[in-house]
Amino acid sequence: MSIDPTISVVVPTYNCQHLLMTHLRRMQTWLDLIDEVIVVDSRSTDGTLELIRAELRHPRLRIIERDRGLYQSWNEGIAATTGDWVYVSTAGDLITREQLLHLRTVGEALSADVVVSPPDFAHEDEQPHRDLGWPPAKLLAAFGRGEPFVMHPMATQVLAFQFCPQAILGSSASNLYRGAHLRARPFPAEYGVIGDTAWIMRYGHETRLALTPQRGSTFCIHAKESKLTPEQCVELHHRLLKQEVDRLHANQQVGAMLGSFLAEQAVPNRTKELWAEKRRLWHAADNRFTNRTRWLATTSRYLWNRLKSKIMARRHARALRAQPGVFTHLQS
């Protein structure tokens, strides 16, 4: 008799009581599939933990209380898991029973380290939100042929840097991670809310990333506690790129194709700088004619650089498709 691979669930929480009733109700539809549940609460003060203790039932439920820290909480919860696969169930983000089983099936069939799926988007009141055009959908359109597929780590590494500062992982609440792979590779915590982006950039060279076109999860759009300015976004992007490239060079983990991509990195970098500048000019308190004239000139340069960035991305996509064995598709 075969035994299905086990799934551990990590539930990181902080003052999210208003999102939890729907979240816990949806979890009940698939909790019987789960081997263990690890809740990591960052000392909530709004009744979050009391609600979890009252409503969440599982024979292997463990609750960890710790100080605040987004990815620090994730990492502590992940380190406590023992399952073959790990699912990170962030408050407000929902997944169906069918999707969880599908992700595990795809991961096992393709010997993947991570299985990524594109989410739908909704507001806190569950009303639909427009699609945000995240990288997973773009990768599926470019390489998927309408089927699940897995990428060679070389492709994972290149695409992780190409889409930076967006994460090719999309939302971790739409994905499934192989337990041993994730426990050995904690999420970087030094980049604020883009630890997912940093994780796949840091470990892409050793990660078999699978994507599936099947949708069965919902990402909740809700107000962020803090928001970066465009200038801060660009500064964070530059810091992330520099530090992760330096790390890979120091460990001799920069593949030939990534090296070729990085040699052209000035174009996408300049595109992001122009994006920040045009937003600054548009929202400037002083809306004099000269500011709007500068905005028009900056926007023109931005659009030209964006076109060059897209042409470069298409060229790299063609180069990836031309290499044998880079993409392995799961035949239906």
C-alpha atoms as a PDB file:
ATOM      1  CA  MET A   1       0.000   0.000   0.000  1.00  0.00           C
ATOM      2  CA  SER A   2       1.492   3.328  -1.068  1.00  0.00           C
ATOM      3  CA  ILE A   3       1.555   6.266   1.359  1.00  0.00           C
ATOM      4  CA  ASP A   4       0.961   9.758   0.027  1.00  0.00           C
ATOM      5  CA  PRO A   5       3.734  12.300   0.669  1.00  0.00           C
ATOM      6  CA  THR A   6       2.946  14.340   3.783  1.00  0.00           C
ATOM      7  CA  ILE A   7       2.116  18.055   3.794  1.00  0.00           C
ATOM      8  CA  SER A   8       2.969  20.443   6.627  1.00  0.00           C
ATOM      9  CA  VAL A   9       1.219  23.806   6.890  1.00  0.00           C
ATOM     10  CA  VAL A  10       2.753  26.957   8.367  1.00  0.00           C
ATOM     11  CA  VAL A  11       0.311  29.716   9.386  1.00  0.00           C
ATOM     12  CA  PRO A  12       2.155  32.994  10.174  1.00  0.00           C
ATOM     13  CA  THR A  13      -0.070  35.562  11.913  1.00  0.00           C
ATOM     14  CA  TYR A  14       0.066  39.082  13.322  1.00  0.00           C
ATOM     15  CA  ASN A  15      -3.034  41.127  14.205  1.00  0.00           C
ATOM     16  CA  CYS A  16      -5.109  39.565  11.423  1.00  0.00           C
ATOM     17  CA  GLN A  17      -8.266  38.577  13.270  1.00  0.00           C
ATOM     18  CA  HIS A  18     -10.430  40.362  10.675  1.00  0.00           C
ATOM     19  CA  LEU A  19      -9.137  37.985   7.981  1.00  0.00           C
ATOM     20  CA  LEU A  20      -9.159  34.780   9.980  1.00  0.00           C
ATOM     21  CA  MET A  21     -12.780  33.593  10.143  1.00  0.00           C
ATOM     22  CA  THR A  22     -13.012  33.090   6.378  1.00  0.00           C
ATOM     23  CA  HIS A  23      -9.458  31.789   6.301  1.00  0.00           C
ATOM     24  CA  LEU A  24     -10.038  29.147   8.993  1.00  0.00           C
ATOM     25  CA  ARG A  25     -13.368  28.134   7.458  1.00  0.00           C
ATOM     26  CA  ARG A  26     -11.678  27.475   4.115  1.00  0.00           C
ATOM     27  CA  MET A  27      -8.834  25.597   5.823  1.00  0.00           C
ATOM     28  CA  GLN A  28     -11.391  23.155   7.230  1.00  0.00           C
ATOM     29  CA  THR A  29     -12.067  21.895   3.699  1.00  0.00           C
ATOM     30  CA  TRP A  30      -8.528  20.493   3.370  1.00  0.00           C
ATOM     31  CA  LEU A  31      -7.163  20.077   6.900  1.00  0.00           C
ATOM     32  CA  ASP A  32      -7.666  16.294   6.778  1.00  0.00           C
ATOM     33  CA  LEU A  33      -4.959  16.184   4.068  1.00  0.00           C
ATOM     34  CA  ILE A  34      -2.434  17.830   6.378  1.00  0.00           C
ATOM     35  CA  ASP A  35       0.060  15.986   8.570  1.00  0.00           C
ATOM     36  CA  GLU A  36       0.807  18.926  10.914  1.00  0.00           C
ATOM     37  CA  VAL A  37      -0.077  22.596  11.397  1.00  0.00           C
ATOM     38  CA  ILE A  38       2.455  25.106  12.744  1.00  0.00           C
ATOM     39  CA  VAL A  39       1.014  28.499  13.744  1.00  0.00           C
ATOM     40  CA  VAL A  40       3.611  31.234  14.304  1.00  0.00           C
ATOM     41  CA  ASP A  41       2.090  34.303  15.944  1.00  0.00           C
ATOM     42  CA  SER A  42       4.081  37.501  16.394  1.00  0.00           C
ATOM     43  CA  ARG A  43       2.438  38.440  19.713  1.00  0.00           C
ATOM     44  CA  SER A  44      -0.846  39.667  18.247  1.00  0.00           C
ATOM     45  CA  THR A  45      -2.883  42.068  20.375  1.00  0.00           C
ATOM     46  CA  ASP A  46      -6.221  41.961  18.492  1.00  0.00           C
ATOM     47  CA  GLY A  47      -7.476  38.505  19.500  1.00  0.00           C
ATOM     48  CA  THR A  48      -5.854  36.645  16.610  1.00  0.00           C
ATOM     49  CA  LEU A  49      -4.337  33.926  18.769  1.00  0.00           C
ATOM     50  CA  GLU A  50      -7.474  33.520  20.882  1.00  0.00           C
ATOM     51  CA  LEU A  51      -9.520  32.986  17.712  1.00  0.00           C
ATOM     52  CA  ILE A  52      -7.052  30.407  16.414  1.00  0.00           C
ATOM     53  CA  ARG A  53      -7.141  28.482  19.705  1.00  0.00           C
ATOM     54  CA  ALA A  54     -10.931  28.501  19.660  1.00  0.00           C
ATOM     55  CA  GLU A  55     -11.505  27.608  16.003  1.00  0.00           C
ATOM     56  CA  LEU A  56      -8.511  25.662  14.642  1.00  0.00           C
ATOM     57  CA  ARG A  57      -8.595  21.946  15.364  1.00  0.00           C
ATOM     58  CA  HIS A  58      -5.923  19.494  14.258  1.00  0.00           C
ATOM     59  CA  PRO A  59      -4.347  16.506  16.075  1.00  0.00           C
ATOM     60  CA  ARG A  60      -0.868  17.849  15.355  1.00  0.00           C
ATOM     61  CA  LEU A  61      -1.320  21.556  15.959  1.00  0.00           C
ATOM     62  CA  ARG A  62       1.606  23.511  17.391  1.00  0.00           C
ATOM     63  CA  ILE A  63       1.550  27.213  18.255  1.00  0.00           C
ATOM     64  CA  ILE A  64       4.764  29.231  18.431  1.00  0.00           C
ATOM     65  CA  GLU A  65       4.774  32.757  19.853  1.00  0.00           C
ATOM     66  CA  ARG A  66       7.672  35.015  18.952  1.00  0.00           C
ATOM     67  CA  ASP A  67       8.608  38.658  18.387  1.00  0.00           C
ATOM     68  CA  ARG A  68       7.695  40.375  15.125  1.00  0.00           C
ATOM     69  CA  GLY A  69       9.565  39.734  11.911  1.00  0.00           C
ATOM     70  CA  LEU A  70       7.861  38.699   8.683  1.00  0.00           C
ATOM     71  CA  TYR A  71      10.239  36.165   7.174  1.00  0.00           C
ATOM     72  CA  GLN A  72      11.821  35.409  10.552  1.00  0.00           C
ATOM     73  CA  SER A  73       8.388  34.056  11.562  1.00  0.00           C
ATOM     74  CA  TRP A  74       8.098  32.067   8.351  1.00  0.00           C
ATOM     75  CA  ASN A  75      11.538  30.574   8.877  1.00  0.00           C
ATOM     76  CA  GLU A  76      10.859  29.554  12.464  1.00  0.00           C
ATOM     77  CA  GLY A  77       7.641  27.855  11.449  1.00  0.00           C
ATOM     78  CA  ILE A  78       9.227  26.128   8.460  1.00  0.00           C
ATOM     79  CA  ALA A  79      12.136  24.891  10.597  1.00  0.00           C
ATOM     80  CA  ALA A  80       9.601  23.211  12.912  1.00  0.00           C
ATOM     81  CA  THR A  81       7.956  21.229  10.085  1.00  0.00           C
ATOM     82  CA  THR A  82       8.681  17.605   9.225  1.00  0.00           C
ATOM     83  CA  GLY A  83       6.534  17.084   6.121  1.00  0.00           C
ATOM     84  CA  ASP A  84       7.597  16.020   2.637  1.00  0.00           C
ATOM     85  CA  TRP A  85       5.938  19.208   1.380  1.00  0.00           C
ATOM     86  CA  VAL A  86       5.350  22.576   3.065  1.00  0.00           C
ATOM     87  CA  TYR A  87       2.508  25.002   2.405  1.00  0.00           C
ATOM     88  CA  VAL A  88       2.629  28.565   3.803  1.00  0.00           C
ATOM     89  CA  SER A  89      -0.953  29.632   4.552  1.00  0.00           C
ATOM     90  CA  THR A  90      -0.852  33.415   4.977  1.00  0.00           C
ATOM     91  CA  ALA A  91      -3.931  35.055   6.497  1.00  0.00           C
ATOM     92  CA  GLY A  92      -6.531  36.074   3.937  1.00  0.00           C
ATOM     93  CA  ASP A  93      -4.952  34.067   1.099  1.00  0.00           C
ATOM     94  CA  LEU A  94      -7.070  31.021   0.230  1.00  0.00           C
ATOM     95  CA  ILE A  95      -6.501  27.719  -1.540  1.00  0.00           C
ATOM     96  CA  THR A  96      -8.849  24.900  -2.479  1.00  0.00           C
ATOM     97  CA  ARG A  97      -8.512  21.244  -1.554  1.00  0.00           C
ATOM     98  CA  GLU A  98      -8.250  20.321  -5.240  1.00  0.00           C
ATOM     99  CA  GLN A  99      -5.429  22.809  -5.813  1.00  0.00           C
ATOM    100  CA  LEU A 100      -3.381  21.584  -2.867  1.00  0.00           C
ATOM    101  CA  LEU A 101      -3.640  18.012  -4.151  1.00  0.00           C
ATOM    102  CA  HIS A 102      -2.835  19.169  -7.691  1.00  0.00           C
ATOM    103  CA  LEU A 103       0.314  21.002  -6.574  1.00  0.00           C
ATOM    104  CA  ARG A 104       1.552  17.897  -4.760  1.00  0.00           C
ATOM    105  CA  THR A 105       0.790  15.677  -7.767  1.00  0.00           C
ATOM    106  CA  VAL A 106       2.662  18.008 -10.132  1.00  0.00           C
ATOM    107  CA  GLY A 107       5.590  18.325  -7.727  1.00  0.00           C
ATOM    108  CA  GLU A 108       5.979  14.568  -7.401  1.00  0.00           C
ATOM    109  CA  ALA A 109       5.527  13.894 -11.125  1.00  0.00           C
ATOM    110  CA  LEU A 110       8.133  16.489 -12.136  1.00  0.00           C
ATOM    111  CA  SER A 111      10.534  15.937  -9.200  1.00  0.00           C
ATOM    112  CA  ALA A 112      10.233  19.655  -8.442  1.00  0.00           C
ATOM    113  CA  ASP A 113      11.534  21.571  -5.435  1.00  0.00           C
ATOM    114  CA  VAL A 114       8.783  24.200  -5.696  1.00  0.00           C
ATOM    115  CA  VAL A 115       5.460  24.141  -7.542  1.00  0.00           C
ATOM    116  CA  VAL A 116       4.080  27.574  -8.472  1.00  0.00           C
ATOM    117  CA  SER A 117       0.553  28.424  -9.594  1.00  0.00           C
ATOM    118  CA  PRO A 118      -0.940  31.783 -10.605  1.00  0.00           C
ATOM    119  CA  PRO A 119      -3.521  33.083  -8.103  1.00  0.00           C
ATOM    120  CA  ASP A 120      -6.728  34.955  -8.618  1.00  0.00           C
ATOM    121  CA  PHE A 121      -7.006  38.281  -6.791  1.00  0.00           C
ATOM    122  CA  ALA A 122      -9.700  39.556  -4.417  1.00  0.00           C
ATOM    123  CA  HIS A 123     -10.345  42.345  -1.937  1.00  0.00           C
ATOM    124  CA  GLU A 124     -10.793  41.656   1.787  1.00  0.00           C
ATOM    125  CA  ASP A 125     -14.567  41.434   1.245  1.00  0.00           C
ATOM    126  CA  GLU A 126     -13.910  38.653  -1.323  1.00  0.00           C
ATOM    127  CA  GLN A 127     -14.936  40.848  -4.248  1.00  0.00           C
ATOM    128  CA  PRO A 128     -12.755  40.178  -7.328  1.00  0.00           C
ATOM    129  CA  HIS A 129      -9.755  42.399  -7.986  1.00  0.00           C
ATOM    130  CA  ARG A 130      -8.167  42.894 -11.396  1.00  0.00           C
ATOM    131  CA  ASP A 131      -5.359  40.525 -12.326  1.00  0.00           C
ATOM    132  CA  LEU A 132      -2.021  42.067 -11.322  1.00  0.00           C
ATOM    133  CA  GLY A 133      -0.043  40.396 -14.110  1.00  0.00           C
ATOM    134  CA  TRP A 134       2.427  38.597 -11.865  1.00  0.00           C
ATOM    135  CA  PRO A 135       5.392  36.649 -13.314  1.00  0.00           C
ATOM    136  CA  PRO A 136       3.933  33.091 -12.987  1.00  0.00           C
ATOM    137  CA  ALA A 137       1.244  33.830 -15.583  1.00  0.00           C
ATOM    138  CA  LYS A 138       3.847  35.371 -17.904  1.00  0.00           C
ATOM    139  CA  LEU A 139       6.171  32.374 -17.558  1.00  0.00           C
ATOM    140  CA  LEU A 140       3.315  29.969 -18.262  1.00  0.00           C
ATOM    141  CA  ALA A 141       2.401  31.947 -21.383  1.00  0.00           C
ATOM    142  CA  ALA A 142       6.019  31.990 -22.562  1.00  0.00           C
ATOM    143  CA  PHE A 143       7.040  28.406 -21.823  1.00  0.00           C
ATOM    144  CA  GLY A 144       4.041  26.375 -20.656  1.00  0.00           C
ATOM    145  CA  ARG A 145       2.223  25.139 -23.787  1.00  0.00           C
ATOM    146  CA  GLY A 146      -0.883  24.908 -21.579  1.00  0.00           C
ATOM    147  CA  GLU A 147       0.693  22.196 -19.418  1.00  0.00           C
ATOM    148  CA  PRO A 148       2.578  22.021 -16.110  1.00  0.00           C
ATOM    149  CA  PHE A 149       6.339  22.099 -16.624  1.00  0.00           C
ATOM    150  CA  VAL A 150       9.553  22.183 -14.629  1.00  0.00           C
ATOM    151  CA  MET A 151      12.618  24.334 -15.360  1.00  0.00           C
ATOM    152  CA  HIS A 152      16.270  23.437 -15.126  1.00  0.00           C
ATOM    153  CA  PRO A 153      17.907  25.451 -12.282  1.00  0.00           C
ATOM    154  CA  MET A 154      19.876  27.424 -14.870  1.00  0.00           C
ATOM    155  CA  ALA A 155      16.626  28.827 -16.253  1.00  0.00           C
ATOM    156  CA  THR A 156      15.253  29.401 -12.754  1.00  0.00           C
ATOM    157  CA  GLN A 157      18.294  31.513 -11.891  1.00  0.00           C
ATOM    158  CA  VAL A 158      18.181  33.644 -15.036  1.00  0.00           C
ATOM    159  CA  LEU A 159      14.440  34.296 -14.839  1.00  0.00           C
ATOM    160  CA  ALA A 160      14.612  35.127 -11.135  1.00  0.00           C
ATOM    161  CA  PHE A 161      17.011  37.981 -11.905  1.00  0.00           C
ATOM    162  CA  GLN A 162      15.184  39.028 -15.056  1.00  0.00           C
ATOM    163  CA  PHE A 163      11.900  39.618 -13.213  1.00  0.00           C
ATOM    164  CA  CYS A 164      13.471  41.218 -10.122  1.00  0.00           C
ATOM    165  CA  PRO A 165      12.096  42.976  -8.057  1.00  0.00           C
ATOM    166  CA  GLN A 166       9.011  40.864  -8.767  1.00  0.00           C
ATOM    167  CA  ALA A 167       9.187  37.253  -7.631  1.00  0.00           C
ATOM    168  CA  ILE A 168       8.731  34.486 -10.180  1.00  0.00           C
ATOM    169  CA  LEU A 169       7.261  32.612  -7.201  1.00  0.00           C
ATOM    170  CA  GLY A 170       4.246  34.937  -7.237  1.00  0.00           C
ATOM    171  CA  SER A 171       2.567  34.370  -3.863  1.00  0.00           C
ATOM    172  CA  SER A 172       3.858  31.584  -1.639  1.00  0.00           C
ATOM    173  CA  ALA A 173       0.246  30.992  -0.588  1.00  0.00           C
ATOM    174  CA  SER A 174      -0.367  29.681  -4.129  1.00  0.00           C
ATOM    175  CA  ASN A 175       2.643  27.369  -4.081  1.00  0.00           C
ATOM    176  CA  LEU A 176       3.959  24.177  -2.524  1.00  0.00           C
ATOM    177  CA  TYR A 177       7.582  23.723  -1.396  1.00  0.00           C
ATOM    178  CA  ARG A 178       9.459  20.463  -0.997  1.00  0.00           C
ATOM    179  CA  GLY A 179      10.060  20.281   2.745  1.00  0.00           C
ATOM    180  CA  ALA A 180      13.724  19.263   2.844  1.00  0.00           C
ATOM    181  CA  HIS A 181      14.617  21.828   0.160  1.00  0.00           C
ATOM    182  CA  LEU A 182      12.898  24.688   1.978  1.00  0.00           C
ATOM    183  CA  ARG A 183      14.105  23.792   5.483  1.00  0.00           C
ATOM    184  CA  ALA A 184      17.699  23.916   4.224  1.00  0.00           C
ATOM    185  CA  ARG A 185      17.167  27.310   2.570  1.00  0.00           C
ATOM    186  CA  PRO A 186      15.506  29.899   4.836  1.00  0.00           C
ATOM    187  CA  PHE A 187      13.936  33.016   3.393  1.00  0.00           C
ATOM    188  CA  PRO A 188      16.225  36.076   3.428  1.00  0.00           C
ATOM    189  CA  ALA A 189      14.882  38.517   6.030  1.00  0.00           C
ATOM    190  CA  GLU A 190      17.051  41.542   5.232  1.00  0.00           C
ATOM    191  CA  TYR A 191      14.942  42.857   2.329  1.00  0.00           C
ATOM    192  CA  GLY A 192      11.644  43.614   4.030  1.00  0.00           C
ATOM    193  CA  VAL A 193       8.577  42.337   2.206  1.00  0.00           C
ATOM    194  CA  ILE A 194      10.396  40.950  -0.875  1.00  0.00           C
ATOM    195  CA  GLY A 195      11.957  37.930   0.799  1.00  0.00           C
ATOM    196  CA  ASP A 196      10.269  35.667  -1.783  1.00  0.00           C
ATOM    197  CA  THR A 197      12.105  37.528  -4.549  1.00  0.00           C
ATOM    198  CA  ALA A 198      15.415  37.278  -2.718  1.00  0.00           C
ATOM    199  CA  TRP A 199      14.883  33.568  -1.965  1.00  0.00           C
ATOM    200  CA  ILE A 200      14.539  32.490  -5.586  1.00  0.00           C
ATOM    201  CA  MET A 201      17.407  34.768  -6.661  1.00  0.00           C
ATOM    202  CA  ARG A 202      19.660  33.298  -3.969  1.00  0.00           C
ATOM    203  CA  TYR A 203      18.725  29.650  -4.489  1.00  0.00           C
ATOM    204  CA  GLY A 204      17.531  29.550  -8.100  1.00  0.00           C
ATOM    205  CA  HIS A 205      20.758  27.905  -9.262  1.00  0.00           C
ATOM    206  CA  GLU A 206      19.851  24.796  -7.229  1.00  0.00           C
ATOM    207  CA  THR A 207      16.047  24.840  -7.489  1.00  0.00           C
ATOM    208  CA  ARG A 208      13.881  22.862  -9.900  1.00  0.00           C
ATOM    209  CA  LEU A 209      10.930  25.221 -10.249  1.00  0.00           C
ATOM    210  CA  ALA A 210       7.667  23.855 -11.635  1.00  0.00           C
ATOM    211  CA  LEU A 211       4.703  25.911 -12.799  1.00  0.00           C
ATOM    212  CA  THR A 212       1.147  24.798 -13.431  1.00  0.00           C
ATOM    213  CA  PRO A 213      -1.577  26.737 -15.272  1.00  0.00           C
ATOM    214  CA  GLN A 214      -4.303  25.338 -13.017  1.00  0.00           C
ATOM    215  CA  ARG A 215      -5.717  28.032 -10.734  1.00  0.00           C
ATOM    216  CA  GLY A 216      -7.193  27.292  -7.321  1.00  0.00           C
ATOM    217  CA  SER A 217      -5.965  29.981  -4.946  1.00  0.00           C
ATOM    218  CA  THR A 218      -6.853  33.579  -4.157  1.00  0.00           C
ATOM    219  CA  PHE A 219      -4.474  36.344  -3.108  1.00  0.00           C
ATOM    220  CA  CYS A 220      -6.070  38.885  -0.767  1.00  0.00           C
ATOM    221  CA  ILE A 221      -5.431  42.551  -1.563  1.00  0.00           C
ATOM    222  CA  HIS A 222      -5.316  44.442   1.713  1.00  0.00           C
ATOM    223  CA  ALA A 223      -3.752  47.608   3.048  1.00  0.00           C
ATOM    224  CA  LYS A 224      -0.058  47.344   3.887  1.00  0.00           C
ATOM    225  CA  GLU A 225       1.238  48.589   7.223  1.00  0.00           C
ATOM    226  CA  SER A 226       3.910  50.626   5.445  1.00  0.00           C
ATOM    227  CA  LYS A 227       4.545  51.513   1.814  1.00  0.00           C
ATOM    228  CA  LEU A 228       7.825  52.363   0.111  1.00  0.00           C
ATOM    229  CA  THR A 229       8.201  55.460  -2.036  1.00  0.00           C
ATOM    230  CA  PRO A 230       9.258  54.906  -5.681  1.00  0.00           C
ATOM    231  CA  GLU A 231      12.770  56.090  -4.760  1.00  0.00           C
ATOM    232  CA  GLN A 232      12.933  53.621  -1.869  1.00  0.00           C
ATOM    233  CA  CYS A 233      11.738  50.839  -4.188  1.00  0.00           C
ATOM    234  CA  VAL A 234      14.562  51.556  -6.624  1.00  0.00           C
ATOM    235  CA  GLU A 235      17.128  51.731  -3.811  1.00  0.00           C
ATOM    236  CA  LEU A 236      15.910  48.384  -2.431  1.00  0.00           C
ATOM    237  CA  HIS A 237      16.034  46.845  -5.912  1.00  0.00           C
ATOM    238  CA  HIS A 238      19.625  48.001  -6.445  1.00  0.00           C
ATOM    239  CA  ARG A 239      20.674  46.740  -3.013  1.00  0.00           C
ATOM    240  CA  LEU A 240      19.021  43.385  -3.583  1.00  0.00           C
ATOM    241  CA  LEU A 241      20.669  42.939  -6.973  1.00  0.00           C
ATOM    242  CA  LYS A 242      24.128  43.962  -5.786  1.00  0.00           C
ATOM    243  CA  GLN A 243      24.141  41.851  -2.636  1.00  0.00           C
ATOM    244  CA  GLU A 244      22.739  38.725  -4.253  1.00  0.00           C
ATOM    245  CA  VAL A 245      25.028  38.990  -7.290  1.00  0.00           C
ATOM    246  CA  ASP A 246      28.020  39.493  -4.981  1.00  0.00           C
ATOM    247  CA  ARG A 247      26.950  36.461  -2.946  1.00  0.00           C
ATOM    248  CA  LEU A 248      26.659  34.265  -6.032  1.00  0.00           C
ATOM    249  CA  HIS A 249      30.016  35.449  -7.399  1.00  0.00           C
ATOM    250  CA  ALA A 250      31.705  34.771  -4.049  1.00  0.00           C
ATOM    251  CA  ASN A 251      30.360  31.204  -4.116  1.00  0.00           C
ATOM    252  CA  GLN A 252      31.056  30.742  -7.848  1.00  0.00           C
ATOM    253  CA  GLN A 253      27.333  30.156  -8.516  1.00  0.00           C
ATOM    254  CA  VAL A 254      26.789  32.567 -11.428  1.00  0.00           C
ATOM    255  CA  GLY A 255      25.849  30.479 -14.458  1.00  0.00           C
ATOM    256  CA  ALA A 256      27.013  31.440 -17.954  1.00  0.00           C
ATOM    257  CA  MET A 257      23.568  32.578 -19.046  1.00  0.00           C
ATOM    258  CA  LEU A 258      23.055  34.669 -15.917  1.00  0.00           C
ATOM    259  CA  GLY A 259      26.482  36.220 -16.480  1.00  0.00           C
ATOM    260  CA  SER A 260      25.376  37.221 -19.984  1.00  0.00           C
ATOM    261  CA  PHE A 261      22.155  38.715 -18.621  1.00  0.00           C
ATOM    262  CA  LEU A 262      23.939  40.665 -15.888  1.00  0.00           C
ATOM    263  CA  ALA A 263      26.256  42.216 -18.475  1.00  0.00           C
ATOM    264  CA  GLU A 264      23.171  43.960 -19.889  1.00  0.00           C
ATOM    265  CA  GLN A 265      21.653  44.832 -16.502  1.00  0.00           C
ATOM    266  CA  ALA A 266      22.173  48.580 -16.978  1.00  0.00           C
ATOM    267  CA  VAL A 267      19.124  48.771 -19.276  1.00  0.00           C
ATOM    268  CA  PRO A 268      16.494  47.358 -16.847  1.00  0.00           C
ATOM    269  CA  ASN A 269      18.144  49.218 -13.974  1.00  0.00           C
ATOM    270  CA  ARG A 270      17.803  52.515 -15.824  1.00  0.00           C
ATOM    271  CA  THR A 271      14.187  51.662 -16.678  1.00  0.00           C
ATOM    272  CA  LYS A 272      13.321  51.347 -12.985  1.00  0.00           C
ATOM    273  CA  GLU A 273      15.107  54.604 -12.161  1.00  0.00           C
ATOM    274  CA  LEU A 274      13.129  56.439 -14.842  1.00  0.00           C
ATOM    275  CA  TRP A 275       9.897  54.885 -13.522  1.00  0.00           C
ATOM    276  CA  ALA A 276      10.623  56.312 -10.068  1.00  0.00           C
ATOM    277  CA  GLU A 277      11.560  59.720 -11.475  1.00  0.00           C
ATOM    278  CA  LYS A 278       8.431  60.107 -13.589  1.00  0.00           C
ATOM    279  CA  ARG A 279       6.229  59.175 -10.608  1.00  0.00           C
ATOM    280  CA  ARG A 280       8.058  61.702  -8.440  1.00  0.00           C
ATOM    281  CA  LEU A 281       7.568  64.449 -10.997  1.00  0.00           C
ATOM    282  CA  TRP A 282       3.886  63.652 -11.497  1.00  0.00           C
ATOM    283  CA  HIS A 283       3.100  63.677  -7.764  1.00  0.00           C
ATOM    284  CA  ALA A 284       5.328  66.628  -6.883  1.00  0.00           C
ATOM    285  CA  ALA A 285       3.595  69.282  -4.817  1.00  0.00           C
ATOM    286  CA  ASP A 286       4.960  71.919  -7.169  1.00  0.00           C
ATOM    287  CA  ASN A 287       3.127  71.282 -10.443  1.00  0.00           C
ATOM    288  CA  ARG A 288       4.674  74.072 -12.450  1.00  0.00           C
ATOM    289  CA  PHE A 289       4.955  73.869 -16.214  1.00  0.00           C
ATOM    290  CA  THR A 290       8.645  72.962 -16.010  1.00  0.00           C
ATOM    291  CA  ASN A 291       7.862  69.910 -13.857  1.00  0.00           C
ATOM    292  CA  ARG A 292       5.292  68.639 -16.334  1.00  0.00           C
ATOM    293  CA  THR A 293       7.680  69.259 -19.217  1.00  0.00           C
ATOM    294  CA  ARG A 294      10.345  67.246 -17.408  1.00  0.00           C
ATOM    295  CA  TRP A 295       7.730  64.539 -16.727  1.00  0.00           C
ATOM    296  CA  LEU A 296       7.002  64.240 -20.458  1.00  0.00           C
ATOM    297  CA  ALA A 297      10.697  63.952 -21.293  1.00  0.00           C
ATOM    298  CA  THR A 298      11.296  61.414 -18.521  1.00  0.00           C
ATOM    299  CA  THR A 299       8.261  59.359 -19.552  1.00  0.00           C
ATOM    300  CA  SER A 300       9.505  59.251 -23.144  1.00  0.00           C
ATOM    301  CA  ARG A 301      12.895  57.951 -22.002  1.00  0.00           C
ATOM    302  CA  TYR A 302      11.170  55.471 -19.673  1.00  0.00           C
ATOM    303  CA  LEU A 303       9.020  54.044 -22.481  1.00  0.00           C
ATOM    304  CA  TRP A 304      12.055  53.722 -24.757  1.00  0.00           C
ATOM    305  CA  ASN A 305      14.067  51.931 -22.069  1.00  0.00           C
ATOM    306  CA  ARG A 306      11.105  49.718 -21.248  1.00  0.00           C
ATOM    307  CA  LEU A 307      10.886  48.684 -24.906  1.00  0.00           C
ATOM    308  CA  LYS A 308      14.611  47.839 -24.902  1.00  0.00           C
ATOM    309  CA  SER A 309      14.150  45.820 -21.697  1.00  0.00           C
ATOM    310  CA  LYS A 310      11.302  43.850 -23.276  1.00  0.00           C
ATOM    311  CA  ILE A 311      13.349  43.143 -26.405  1.00  0.00           C
ATOM    312  CA  MET A 312      16.211  41.915 -24.228  1.00  0.00           C
ATOM    313  CA  ALA A 313      13.835  39.698 -22.210  1.00  0.00           C
ATOM    314  CA  ARG A 314      12.435  38.153 -25.399  1.00  0.00           C
ATOM    315  CA  ARG A 315      15.948  37.433 -26.626  1.00  0.00           C
ATOM    316  CA  HIS A 316      16.808  35.622 -23.408  1.00  0.00           C
ATOM    317  CA  ALA A 317      13.523  33.679 -23.565  1.00  0.00           C
ATOM    318  CA  ARG A 318      14.393  32.493 -27.088  1.00  0.00           C
ATOM    319  CA  ALA A 319      17.847  31.464 -25.900  1.00  0.00           C
ATOM    320  CA  LEU A 320      16.310  29.430 -23.060  1.00  0.00           C
ATOM    321  CA  ARG A 321      13.818  27.710 -25.361  1.00  0.00           C
ATOM    322  CA  ALA A 322      16.625  26.828 -27.782  1.00  0.00           C
ATOM    323  CA  GLN A 323      18.526  24.856 -25.137  1.00  0.00           C
ATOM    324  CA  PRO A 324      17.551  21.162 -24.920  1.00  0.00           C
ATOM    325  CA  GLY A 325      16.329  19.834 -21.584  1.00  0.00           C
ATOM    326  CA  VAL A 326      15.687  23.239 -20.016  1.00  0.00           C
ATOM    327  CA  PHE A 327      11.904  22.747 -19.838  1.00  0.00           C
ATOM    328  CA  THR A 328      10.230  19.406 -19.129  1.00  0.00           C
ATOM    329  CA  HIS A 329       6.454  19.354 -19.632  1.00  0.00           C
ATOM    330  CA  LEU A 330       3.973  17.099 -17.876  1.00  0.00           C
ATOM    331  CA  GLN A 331       1.900  15.455 -20.572  1.00  0.00           C
ATOM    332  CA  SER A 332      -1.815  15.221 -19.757  1.00  0.00           C
END
